[in-house]
N, C-alpha and C. Protein backbone atom coordinates (compact mmCIF):
# COMPACT_ATOMS: atom_id res chain seq x y z
N MET A 1 -15.19 9.86 10.98
CA MET A 1 -14.29 9.02 10.82
C MET A 1 -14.61 7.86 9.88
N TYR A 2 -13.38 7.07 9.97
CA TYR A 2 -13.47 5.84 8.92
C TYR A 2 -13.13 4.66 9.76
N LYS A 3 -13.90 3.45 9.46
CA LYS A 3 -13.72 2.32 10.24
C LYS A 3 -12.58 1.21 9.91
N LYS A 4 -12.36 1.02 8.17
CA LYS A 4 -11.85 0.02 7.82
C LYS A 4 -10.78 1.26 6.85
N ILE A 5 -9.36 1.05 7.04
CA ILE A 5 -8.72 2.11 6.25
C ILE A 5 -7.76 1.05 5.49
N LEU A 6 -7.39 1.16 4.56
CA LEU A 6 -6.06 0.53 3.62
C LEU A 6 -5.23 1.32 3.24
N ALA A 7 -3.90 1.04 3.95
CA ALA A 7 -2.87 1.94 3.27
C ALA A 7 -1.93 1.23 2.54
N PRO A 8 -1.98 1.45 1.08
CA PRO A 8 -0.66 0.56 0.51
C PRO A 8 0.61 1.54 0.67
N VAL A 9 1.49 0.75 1.27
CA VAL A 9 2.88 1.22 1.08
C VAL A 9 3.93 0.78 0.21
N ASP A 10 5.02 1.56 -0.09
CA ASP A 10 6.09 1.12 -1.27
C ASP A 10 6.96 1.18 -0.24
N LEU A 11 7.60 -0.12 0.11
CA LEU A 11 8.63 -0.26 0.86
C LEU A 11 10.17 -0.01 0.45
N ALA A 12 10.18 0.50 -0.87
CA ALA A 12 11.38 1.12 -1.39
C ALA A 12 11.65 2.56 -0.78
N HIS A 13 10.33 2.88 0.07
CA HIS A 13 10.35 4.48 0.45
C HIS A 13 10.15 4.57 1.67
N PRO A 14 10.83 4.04 2.83
CA PRO A 14 10.53 4.00 4.22
C PRO A 14 9.74 5.10 4.74
N ASP A 15 10.38 6.40 4.53
CA ASP A 15 9.84 7.55 5.17
C ASP A 15 8.44 7.76 4.50
N THR A 16 8.13 7.64 3.39
CA THR A 16 6.81 7.83 3.05
C THR A 16 6.15 6.55 3.44
N ALA A 17 6.20 5.38 3.66
CA ALA A 17 5.46 4.54 4.30
C ALA A 17 5.02 5.03 5.76
N LYS A 18 6.04 5.41 6.40
CA LYS A 18 5.66 6.00 7.72
C LYS A 18 4.78 7.13 7.70
N HIS A 19 4.91 8.01 6.77
CA HIS A 19 4.45 9.23 6.89
C HIS A 19 2.60 8.65 6.39
N MET A 20 2.76 7.75 5.40
CA MET A 20 1.12 7.19 5.25
C MET A 20 0.77 6.69 6.57
N VAL A 21 1.28 5.71 6.91
CA VAL A 21 0.58 5.36 8.43
C VAL A 21 0.44 6.32 9.36
N SER A 22 0.85 7.62 9.57
CA SER A 22 0.86 8.36 10.43
C SER A 22 -0.84 9.22 9.65
N VAL A 23 -0.58 9.38 8.42
CA VAL A 23 -1.95 9.77 7.84
C VAL A 23 -3.08 8.93 8.21
N ALA A 24 -2.91 7.64 7.90
CA ALA A 24 -4.17 6.79 7.98
C ALA A 24 -4.68 6.76 9.45
N LYS A 25 -3.69 6.88 10.60
CA LYS A 25 -3.92 7.07 12.00
C LYS A 25 -4.91 8.26 12.26
N LYS A 26 -4.46 9.03 11.50
CA LYS A 26 -5.06 10.64 12.17
C LYS A 26 -6.63 10.52 11.20
N MET A 27 -6.89 9.50 10.13
CA MET A 27 -7.98 9.40 9.81
C MET A 27 -9.07 8.30 10.61
N ALA A 28 -8.30 7.91 10.97
CA ALA A 28 -9.24 6.55 11.91
C ALA A 28 -9.90 7.11 13.13
N ASP A 29 -11.27 6.30 13.50
CA ASP A 29 -11.93 6.58 14.38
C ASP A 29 -11.29 5.86 15.55
N ALA A 30 -10.65 6.35 16.68
CA ALA A 30 -9.85 6.27 17.82
C ALA A 30 -10.71 5.03 18.52
N GLY A 31 -9.79 4.02 18.43
CA GLY A 31 -10.58 2.64 19.26
C GLY A 31 -11.37 2.03 18.43
N LYS A 32 -11.79 1.98 17.46
CA LYS A 32 -13.17 1.30 16.51
C LYS A 32 -12.27 1.18 15.24
N SER A 33 -11.07 1.67 14.82
CA SER A 33 -10.77 1.66 13.28
C SER A 33 -9.96 0.50 13.37
N GLU A 34 -9.58 -0.11 12.08
CA GLU A 34 -8.54 -0.92 11.82
C GLU A 34 -8.10 -0.38 10.44
N VAL A 35 -6.63 -0.63 10.53
CA VAL A 35 -5.88 -0.02 9.49
C VAL A 35 -5.00 -1.39 8.87
N VAL A 36 -5.16 -1.69 7.71
CA VAL A 36 -4.49 -2.67 6.84
C VAL A 36 -3.33 -1.90 5.91
N LEU A 37 -2.07 -2.47 6.58
CA LEU A 37 -1.02 -1.95 5.86
C LEU A 37 -0.91 -3.05 4.40
N LEU A 38 -0.78 -2.59 3.55
CA LEU A 38 -0.53 -3.60 2.12
C LEU A 38 1.01 -3.10 1.26
N ASN A 39 1.35 -3.98 0.93
CA ASN A 39 2.61 -3.68 -0.01
C ASN A 39 2.68 -4.89 -1.00
N VAL A 40 2.62 -4.34 -2.15
CA VAL A 40 2.50 -5.17 -3.60
C VAL A 40 3.84 -5.29 -4.14
N VAL A 41 4.38 -6.59 -4.32
CA VAL A 41 5.35 -7.24 -4.77
C VAL A 41 5.08 -7.23 -6.44
N PRO A 42 5.42 -6.48 -7.18
CA PRO A 42 5.07 -6.46 -8.57
C PRO A 42 5.77 -7.83 -8.94
N ASP A 43 4.81 -8.72 -9.95
CA ASP A 43 5.34 -9.73 -10.60
C ASP A 43 6.45 -9.35 -11.52
N LEU A 44 7.30 -10.31 -11.57
CA LEU A 44 8.46 -10.19 -12.60
C LEU A 44 8.12 -10.84 -13.95
N PRO A 45 8.24 -10.48 -15.03
CA PRO A 45 8.33 -11.00 -16.40
C PRO A 45 9.05 -12.35 -16.36
N GLY A 46 8.54 -13.17 -16.98
CA GLY A 46 9.28 -14.53 -17.40
C GLY A 46 10.99 -14.58 -17.61
N TYR A 47 10.98 -13.83 -18.31
CA TYR A 47 12.19 -13.85 -19.16
C TYR A 47 13.35 -13.11 -17.97
N VAL A 48 12.99 -12.15 -17.00
CA VAL A 48 13.83 -11.70 -15.97
C VAL A 48 13.68 -12.83 -14.92
N ALA A 49 12.82 -13.53 -14.31
CA ALA A 49 12.20 -14.28 -13.44
C ALA A 49 13.56 -15.86 -13.73
N ALA A 50 13.37 -16.29 -15.02
CA ALA A 50 14.36 -17.19 -15.42
C ALA A 50 15.81 -16.83 -15.06
N GLU A 51 16.26 -15.63 -15.09
CA GLU A 51 17.69 -15.28 -14.71
C GLU A 51 17.95 -15.54 -13.17
N LEU A 52 17.02 -15.30 -12.49
CA LEU A 52 16.92 -15.38 -10.88
C LEU A 52 17.25 -16.34 -10.15
N PRO A 53 17.88 -16.49 -9.16
CA PRO A 53 17.57 -17.61 -8.40
C PRO A 53 16.28 -18.26 -7.86
N GLY A 54 16.11 -19.54 -7.78
CA GLY A 54 14.40 -20.04 -7.54
C GLY A 54 13.95 -19.35 -6.59
N ASP A 55 14.59 -18.86 -5.32
CA ASP A 55 13.89 -18.67 -4.21
C ASP A 55 14.26 -17.02 -3.98
N ILE A 56 14.21 -16.30 -5.19
CA ILE A 56 14.34 -14.58 -5.09
C ILE A 56 12.82 -14.50 -4.45
N LEU A 57 11.99 -14.93 -5.05
CA LEU A 57 10.35 -14.27 -4.47
C LEU A 57 10.00 -14.60 -3.07
N ARG A 58 10.43 -15.60 -2.59
CA ARG A 58 10.41 -15.97 -1.12
C ARG A 58 10.95 -15.02 -0.57
N ARG A 59 12.57 -14.79 -0.65
CA ARG A 59 13.40 -13.92 -0.05
C ARG A 59 12.79 -12.62 0.01
N VAL A 60 12.40 -11.81 -0.87
CA VAL A 60 11.71 -10.64 -1.17
C VAL A 60 10.74 -10.76 -0.27
N ILE A 61 9.58 -11.52 -0.47
CA ILE A 61 8.42 -11.51 0.61
C ILE A 61 8.72 -11.72 2.07
N THR A 62 9.70 -12.52 2.50
CA THR A 62 10.01 -12.46 3.77
C THR A 62 10.77 -11.00 4.31
N VAL A 63 11.13 -10.68 3.35
CA VAL A 63 11.95 -8.84 3.97
C VAL A 63 11.13 -8.54 3.98
N ALA A 64 10.06 -8.41 2.96
CA ALA A 64 8.61 -7.06 2.78
C ALA A 64 7.71 -7.44 4.16
N GLU A 65 7.71 -8.82 4.48
CA GLU A 65 6.83 -9.09 5.84
C GLU A 65 7.58 -8.51 7.18
N GLN A 66 8.66 -8.54 7.15
CA GLN A 66 9.58 -7.99 8.16
C GLN A 66 9.36 -6.40 8.40
N GLN A 67 9.40 -6.00 7.37
CA GLN A 67 9.68 -4.47 7.08
C GLN A 67 7.79 -3.92 7.40
N LEU A 68 6.88 -4.84 6.92
CA LEU A 68 5.57 -4.16 7.22
C LEU A 68 5.34 -4.34 8.78
N ALA A 69 5.96 -5.50 9.25
CA ALA A 69 5.76 -6.06 10.96
C ALA A 69 6.26 -4.59 11.33
N ASP A 70 7.44 -4.35 11.31
CA ASP A 70 8.26 -3.24 11.97
C ASP A 70 7.48 -1.79 11.84
N ILE A 71 6.78 -1.69 10.81
CA ILE A 71 6.24 -0.53 10.46
C ILE A 71 4.51 -0.55 11.30
N ALA A 72 4.37 -1.51 11.34
CA ALA A 72 2.85 -1.98 11.98
C ALA A 72 3.06 -1.53 13.30
N LYS A 73 4.17 -1.80 13.97
CA LYS A 73 4.65 -1.54 15.50
C LYS A 73 4.33 -0.22 15.84
N ASP A 74 4.88 0.93 15.10
CA ASP A 74 4.53 2.08 15.34
C ASP A 74 3.16 2.72 15.23
N VAL A 75 2.24 1.76 15.12
CA VAL A 75 0.92 2.06 14.62
C VAL A 75 0.11 1.86 16.02
N ASP A 76 -0.36 2.66 16.79
CA ASP A 76 -1.33 2.54 18.04
C ASP A 76 -2.83 2.60 18.04
N LEU A 77 -3.17 1.79 17.57
CA LEU A 77 -4.54 1.88 17.47
C LEU A 77 -5.65 0.56 18.12
N ASP A 78 -6.67 1.06 18.74
CA ASP A 78 -7.29 0.06 19.54
C ASP A 78 -7.99 -1.20 18.68
N GLY A 79 -8.38 -0.44 17.33
CA GLY A 79 -8.68 -1.51 16.48
C GLY A 79 -8.01 -2.21 15.55
N GLY A 80 -6.80 -2.22 15.84
CA GLY A 80 -5.41 -3.17 15.49
C GLY A 80 -5.32 -2.63 13.99
N VAL A 81 -3.92 -3.58 13.64
CA VAL A 81 -3.15 -3.08 12.47
C VAL A 81 -3.16 -4.49 11.66
N GLN A 82 -3.57 -4.70 10.41
CA GLN A 82 -3.05 -6.02 10.01
C GLN A 82 -1.94 -5.73 8.79
N VAL A 83 -1.45 -6.52 8.27
CA VAL A 83 -0.34 -6.55 7.46
C VAL A 83 -0.95 -7.59 6.46
N GLU A 84 -0.83 -6.69 5.20
CA GLU A 84 -1.07 -7.55 3.82
C GLU A 84 0.03 -7.56 2.91
N LEU A 85 0.49 -8.66 2.12
CA LEU A 85 1.15 -8.66 1.36
C LEU A 85 0.86 -9.62 0.34
N ARG A 86 1.21 -8.82 -1.30
CA ARG A 86 0.42 -9.41 -2.22
C ARG A 86 1.50 -9.50 -3.50
N SER A 87 1.22 -9.94 -4.29
CA SER A 87 2.34 -9.77 -5.57
C SER A 87 1.02 -9.56 -6.73
N GLY A 88 1.66 -9.17 -7.57
CA GLY A 88 0.90 -8.71 -8.76
C GLY A 88 1.17 -7.38 -9.37
N ARG A 89 0.16 -6.87 -10.27
CA ARG A 89 -0.02 -5.12 -10.62
C ARG A 89 -0.56 -4.43 -9.57
N PRO A 90 0.32 -3.64 -8.96
CA PRO A 90 0.25 -2.86 -7.69
C PRO A 90 -1.44 -2.06 -7.48
N HIS A 91 -1.93 -1.49 -8.76
CA HIS A 91 -3.32 -0.95 -8.76
C HIS A 91 -4.21 -2.07 -8.65
N SER A 92 -4.10 -3.15 -9.22
CA SER A 92 -5.11 -4.02 -9.08
C SER A 92 -5.33 -4.78 -7.76
N GLN A 93 -4.14 -5.01 -7.27
CA GLN A 93 -4.02 -5.72 -5.78
C GLN A 93 -4.51 -4.71 -4.74
N ILE A 94 -4.35 -3.56 -4.91
CA ILE A 94 -5.07 -2.26 -4.19
C ILE A 94 -6.45 -2.42 -4.02
N LEU A 95 -6.85 -2.31 -5.46
CA LEU A 95 -8.22 -2.29 -5.61
C LEU A 95 -9.06 -3.45 -4.98
N GLN A 96 -8.37 -4.69 -5.22
CA GLN A 96 -8.69 -6.05 -4.89
C GLN A 96 -8.72 -6.15 -3.45
N VAL A 97 -7.65 -6.12 -2.79
CA VAL A 97 -7.81 -5.88 -1.05
C VAL A 97 -8.74 -5.06 -0.72
N ALA A 98 -8.97 -3.70 -1.07
CA ALA A 98 -9.68 -2.77 -0.72
C ALA A 98 -11.37 -3.20 -0.65
N GLU A 99 -11.43 -4.10 -1.47
CA GLU A 99 -12.91 -4.84 -1.91
C GLU A 99 -13.19 -5.92 -0.75
N GLU A 100 -11.89 -6.66 -0.64
CA GLU A 100 -12.17 -7.82 -0.14
C GLU A 100 -12.31 -7.59 1.62
N ILE A 101 -11.62 -6.33 2.07
CA ILE A 101 -11.68 -6.19 3.48
C ILE A 101 -12.79 -5.06 3.71
N GLY A 102 -13.53 -4.65 2.72
CA GLY A 102 -14.54 -3.68 3.03
C GLY A 102 -14.12 -2.38 3.46
N ALA A 103 -12.84 -1.94 2.30
CA ALA A 103 -12.49 -0.33 2.88
C ALA A 103 -13.39 0.69 2.89
N ASP A 104 -13.48 1.58 3.91
CA ASP A 104 -14.13 2.66 3.53
C ASP A 104 -13.24 4.07 3.38
N LEU A 105 -11.84 3.79 3.10
CA LEU A 105 -10.93 4.48 2.89
C LEU A 105 -9.58 3.88 2.58
N ILE A 106 -9.33 4.46 1.25
CA ILE A 106 -7.87 4.30 0.82
C ILE A 106 -6.91 5.52 1.10
N VAL A 107 -6.06 5.40 1.91
CA VAL A 107 -5.04 6.59 1.73
C VAL A 107 -3.53 6.02 0.85
N ILE A 108 -3.42 6.82 -0.15
CA ILE A 108 -2.27 6.24 -0.89
C ILE A 108 -1.19 7.82 -1.22
N ALA A 109 -0.21 7.11 -1.16
CA ALA A 109 0.81 8.71 -1.85
C ALA A 109 0.87 8.58 -3.18
N SER A 110 1.10 10.29 -3.34
CA SER A 110 1.35 10.22 -4.63
C SER A 110 2.61 11.04 -4.94
N HIS A 111 3.18 11.05 -5.97
CA HIS A 111 4.60 11.60 -6.43
C HIS A 111 4.45 12.94 -7.53
N GLN A 112 5.23 13.66 -7.82
CA GLN A 112 5.13 14.49 -8.81
C GLN A 112 5.13 13.36 -10.11
N PRO A 113 3.87 13.83 -10.80
CA PRO A 113 4.04 13.03 -12.24
C PRO A 113 4.81 13.38 -13.07
N GLY A 114 5.69 12.53 -13.65
CA GLY A 114 6.33 12.67 -14.99
C GLY A 114 5.62 12.46 -16.26
N PHE A 115 6.27 12.53 -17.37
CA PHE A 115 5.63 12.29 -18.41
C PHE A 115 5.09 11.07 -18.86
N GLY A 116 5.54 9.81 -18.23
CA GLY A 116 5.20 8.45 -18.25
C GLY A 116 3.78 8.43 -17.56
N ASP A 117 3.34 9.20 -16.67
CA ASP A 117 2.23 9.33 -15.95
C ASP A 117 1.06 9.42 -16.44
N TYR A 118 1.57 10.49 -17.47
CA TYR A 118 0.68 11.20 -18.25
C TYR A 118 -0.11 10.48 -19.07
N LEU A 119 0.68 9.56 -19.88
CA LEU A 119 0.42 8.80 -20.80
C LEU A 119 -0.53 7.44 -20.30
N LEU A 120 0.36 6.89 -19.29
CA LEU A 120 -0.43 5.68 -18.48
C LEU A 120 -0.98 5.71 -17.49
N GLY A 121 -0.74 6.86 -16.79
CA GLY A 121 -1.47 6.67 -15.27
C GLY A 121 -0.86 6.23 -14.53
N SER A 122 -0.27 6.76 -13.26
CA SER A 122 0.36 6.35 -11.98
C SER A 122 -0.42 5.27 -11.13
N VAL A 123 -0.06 4.50 -10.27
CA VAL A 123 -0.88 3.80 -9.38
C VAL A 123 -1.77 4.59 -8.81
N ALA A 124 -1.43 5.66 -8.15
CA ALA A 124 -2.43 6.48 -7.34
C ALA A 124 -3.81 6.86 -8.49
N GLY A 125 -3.18 7.35 -9.59
CA GLY A 125 -4.34 7.83 -10.51
C GLY A 125 -5.59 6.33 -11.04
N LYS A 126 -4.78 5.37 -10.83
CA LYS A 126 -5.68 4.41 -11.62
C LYS A 126 -6.57 3.93 -10.16
N VAL A 127 -5.70 3.96 -9.27
CA VAL A 127 -6.80 3.67 -7.66
C VAL A 127 -7.92 4.75 -7.47
N VAL A 128 -7.57 6.12 -7.86
CA VAL A 128 -8.62 6.92 -7.60
C VAL A 128 -9.70 7.07 -8.47
N ARG A 129 -9.29 6.39 -9.84
CA ARG A 129 -10.28 6.18 -11.15
C ARG A 129 -11.09 5.05 -10.60
N HIS A 130 -10.63 4.10 -10.28
CA HIS A 130 -11.69 2.73 -9.96
C HIS A 130 -11.77 2.39 -8.61
N ALA A 131 -11.71 3.09 -7.41
CA ALA A 131 -11.83 2.55 -6.26
C ALA A 131 -13.59 2.59 -5.98
N GLN A 132 -13.83 1.75 -5.15
CA GLN A 132 -15.38 1.81 -4.92
C GLN A 132 -15.76 2.54 -3.33
N CYS A 133 -14.37 3.15 -2.92
CA CYS A 133 -14.79 3.74 -1.59
C CYS A 133 -13.78 5.10 -1.71
N SER A 134 -13.81 6.08 -0.65
CA SER A 134 -13.02 7.14 -0.79
C SER A 134 -11.64 6.90 -0.68
N VAL A 135 -10.84 7.89 -1.25
CA VAL A 135 -9.51 7.54 -1.53
C VAL A 135 -8.60 9.05 -1.28
N LEU A 136 -7.95 9.12 -0.13
CA LEU A 136 -6.93 10.07 0.41
C LEU A 136 -5.81 10.10 -0.54
N VAL A 137 -5.50 11.00 -1.42
CA VAL A 137 -4.21 11.03 -2.00
C VAL A 137 -3.31 12.08 -1.38
N GLU A 138 -2.27 11.47 -0.83
CA GLU A 138 -1.49 12.58 0.02
C GLU A 138 0.03 12.50 -0.69
N ARG A 139 0.24 13.86 -1.01
CA ARG A 139 1.46 14.27 -1.68
C ARG A 139 2.68 14.32 -0.42
N HIS A 140 3.34 13.53 -0.79
CA HIS A 140 4.47 13.60 0.29
C HIS A 140 5.86 13.70 -0.43
N ALA A 141 6.78 14.66 0.07
CA ALA A 141 8.10 15.14 -0.18
C ALA A 141 8.82 13.91 -0.96
N GLY A 142 8.83 12.59 0.08
CA GLY A 142 9.88 11.90 -0.39
C GLY A 142 8.98 10.68 -1.26
N ALA A 143 7.92 11.03 -1.91
CA ALA A 143 6.93 10.16 -2.86
C ALA A 143 7.29 10.44 -4.23
């Protein structure tokens, strides 16, 4: 089993987030593993940010922190659950956090690929291609 598991969650899909947490918990070594829940708030282009209230990012982060904390309460691991919130490009932040925490597994959701995913690559695809640790891609109906 795995000792340090990174579970990136998309808070726009709470059912998928809860499912990913349950998958991470199954992959954990009971009593010895730590799960890190990560949400990445994408950066807004400057022309969009200029049109929004100045404190919008702070409000988004506050709501996201509360949602992550609520999801973390459902995870019962002796090793503990950490909550991490970042902003930036999702795949880059996932890979960076995985390296920073020394993750030995990333549990990530995947969706049915669309045409754009074949040209540009999905977040899960980019993580799989560039991760330095094992990656479990979980297809979930809600993803």
